[in-house]
Protein backbone atom coordinates (compact mmCIF):
# COMPACT_ATOMS: atom_id res chain seq x y z
CA MET A 1 135.94 -47.77 114.11
CA ARG A 2 138.90 -46.97 116.14
CA LEU A 3 142.24 -46.04 114.45
CA VAL A 4 144.10 -48.72 115.63
CA GLU A 5 140.91 -51.11 114.75
CA ARG A 6 141.05 -49.43 111.04
CA ILE A 7 144.70 -50.33 110.45
CA LYS A 8 144.51 -53.96 112.00
CA THR A 9 141.32 -54.58 109.60
CA LEU A 10 143.57 -53.15 106.82
CA CYS A 11 146.68 -55.44 107.46
CA LYS A 12 144.22 -58.22 107.69
CA GLU A 13 142.67 -57.23 104.13
CA LYS A 14 146.37 -57.05 102.76
CA LYS A 15 147.28 -59.98 104.68
CA ILE A 16 150.29 -58.66 106.38
CA THR A 17 151.14 -58.01 109.78
CA ILE A 18 151.43 -54.58 111.97
CA ALA A 19 155.00 -55.53 112.77
CA GLU A 20 155.50 -55.73 108.80
CA LEU A 21 153.62 -52.48 107.84
CA GLU A 22 155.94 -50.45 110.60
CA ARG A 23 158.89 -51.80 108.38
CA LYS A 24 157.44 -51.11 105.64
CA THR A 25 156.43 -47.87 106.41
CA GLY A 26 159.55 -46.90 108.71
CA ILE A 27 157.35 -46.70 112.11
CA SER A 28 159.42 -47.66 115.14
CA ASN A 29 158.28 -51.04 116.11
CA GLY A 30 155.26 -51.76 118.68
CA GLN A 31 154.27 -47.92 117.94
CA ILE A 32 150.98 -48.45 115.97
CA ARG A 33 149.74 -50.27 119.40
CA LYS A 34 150.34 -47.53 121.48
CA TRP A 35 148.19 -45.24 119.17
CA ASP A 36 145.07 -46.09 121.33
CA SER A 37 146.17 -44.13 123.98
CA SER A 38 148.17 -41.59 122.21
CA ILE A 39 148.01 -39.24 119.09
CA PRO A 40 150.26 -40.44 116.00
CA GLY A 41 151.76 -37.81 114.02
CA VAL A 42 150.43 -36.40 110.33
CA ASP A 43 153.66 -38.08 109.12
CA LYS A 44 153.01 -41.49 110.35
CA LEU A 45 149.20 -41.45 109.57
CA GLU A 46 150.23 -40.42 105.92
CA ALA A 47 152.90 -43.39 105.85
CA ILE A 48 149.96 -45.44 106.68
CA ALA A 49 147.31 -43.91 104.72
CA ASN A 50 149.48 -44.03 101.55
CA TYR A 51 150.33 -47.59 102.00
CA PHE A 52 146.82 -48.54 102.15
CA ASP A 53 145.73 -45.90 99.65
CA VAL A 54 142.95 -44.86 101.95
CA SER A 55 142.52 -41.44 103.45
CA THR A 56 143.67 -40.11 106.52
CA ASP A 57 139.60 -39.54 107.35
CA TYR A 58 139.27 -43.04 107.04
CA LEU A 59 142.03 -43.99 108.97
CA LEU A 60 140.85 -41.25 111.65
CA GLY A 61 137.14 -42.73 111.70
CA ARG A 62 135.77 -39.76 110.15
CA THR A 63 134.63 -41.45 107.33
CA ASP A 64 133.43 -45.06 106.06
CA LYS A 65 134.89 -43.66 102.27
CA LYS A 66 138.71 -45.30 102.00
CA ARG A 67 139.70 -42.78 99.70
CA TYR A 68 138.59 -39.55 98.60
CA TYR A 69 138.38 -40.21 95.15
CA ASP A 70 135.79 -43.11 95.18
CA LEU A 71 132.68 -42.49 92.73
CA LYS A 72 129.47 -41.47 94.25
CA ASP A 73 126.26 -43.26 92.93
CA THR A 74 125.70 -40.55 90.56
CA ASN A 75 129.10 -40.31 89.28
CA GLN A 76 129.30 -43.65 88.57
CA SER A 77 126.05 -43.23 87.04
CA ASP A 78 127.35 -40.63 84.61
CA ALA A 79 130.67 -42.32 84.11
CA ASP A 80 128.40 -45.50 82.64
CA LYS A 81 126.28 -43.01 80.04
CA LYS A 82 129.34 -41.49 78.82
CA LEU A 83 131.01 -44.75 78.47
CA ASN A 84 128.38 -46.12 76.63
CA GLU A 85 127.96 -43.43 74.61
CA ILE A 86 131.76 -43.73 73.73
CA LEU A 87 131.28 -47.66 72.98
CA ASN A 88 128.31 -47.35 70.88
CA LYS A 89 130.28 -44.94 68.54
CA LEU A 90 133.19 -47.66 67.82
CA ASP A 91 132.93 -50.21 65.36
CA GLU A 92 134.32 -53.85 66.29
CA GLU A 93 137.74 -53.48 65.22
CA GLU A 94 137.83 -50.51 67.60
CA LYS A 95 136.65 -52.03 70.58
CA ILE A 96 138.84 -54.61 70.68
CA LEU A 97 141.89 -52.49 69.85
CA LEU A 98 140.38 -50.30 73.52
CA ILE A 99 139.89 -53.97 75.07
CA VAL A 100 143.61 -54.25 74.46
CA SER A 101 144.47 -50.86 75.69
CA LEU A 102 142.59 -51.25 78.44
CA GLU A 103 143.92 -54.94 79.33
CA ASN A 104 147.63 -53.38 78.95
CA THR A 105 147.22 -50.46 81.03
CA LEU A 106 146.01 -52.73 83.84
CA LEU A 107 148.74 -55.02 84.09
CA LEU A 108 151.34 -52.27 83.79
CA ALA A 109 149.44 -50.78 86.43
CA ASN A 110 149.54 -54.27 88.33
CA GLN A 111 153.23 -54.79 87.58
CA LEU A 112 153.50 -51.22 89.15
CA ALA A 113 151.90 -52.03 92.38
CA LYS A 114 153.33 -55.16 92.82
CA LYS A 115 156.65 -52.74 92.87
CA LYS A 116 155.20 -50.10 95.29
CA PHE A 117 154.08 -52.68 97.43
CA LYS A 118 157.05 -54.83 97.85
């Protein structure tokens, strides 16, 4: 998939237009559509990648993995095992405290994300 196609797909996923993306990232109006025939600067690619939380390699079609930090299956399996080990050591009260703590962390992360992408 080409750069502009990937950007269009990401815009659809986020339910914004390319014009909105250009405004939110400080890119000149109509500039993104020209990238089918020209190469954007690194600063523009980084702005788009940061906005969508994807890698520039993903935007450029070098990988289908959106983020560098996405876990591989083996890493996910290792993380699952470690989490189960930790959970098995906790009593019910500690598990409840952990759940409440994680819920609060997720709420805070969502609030920060909403502020960042308004």
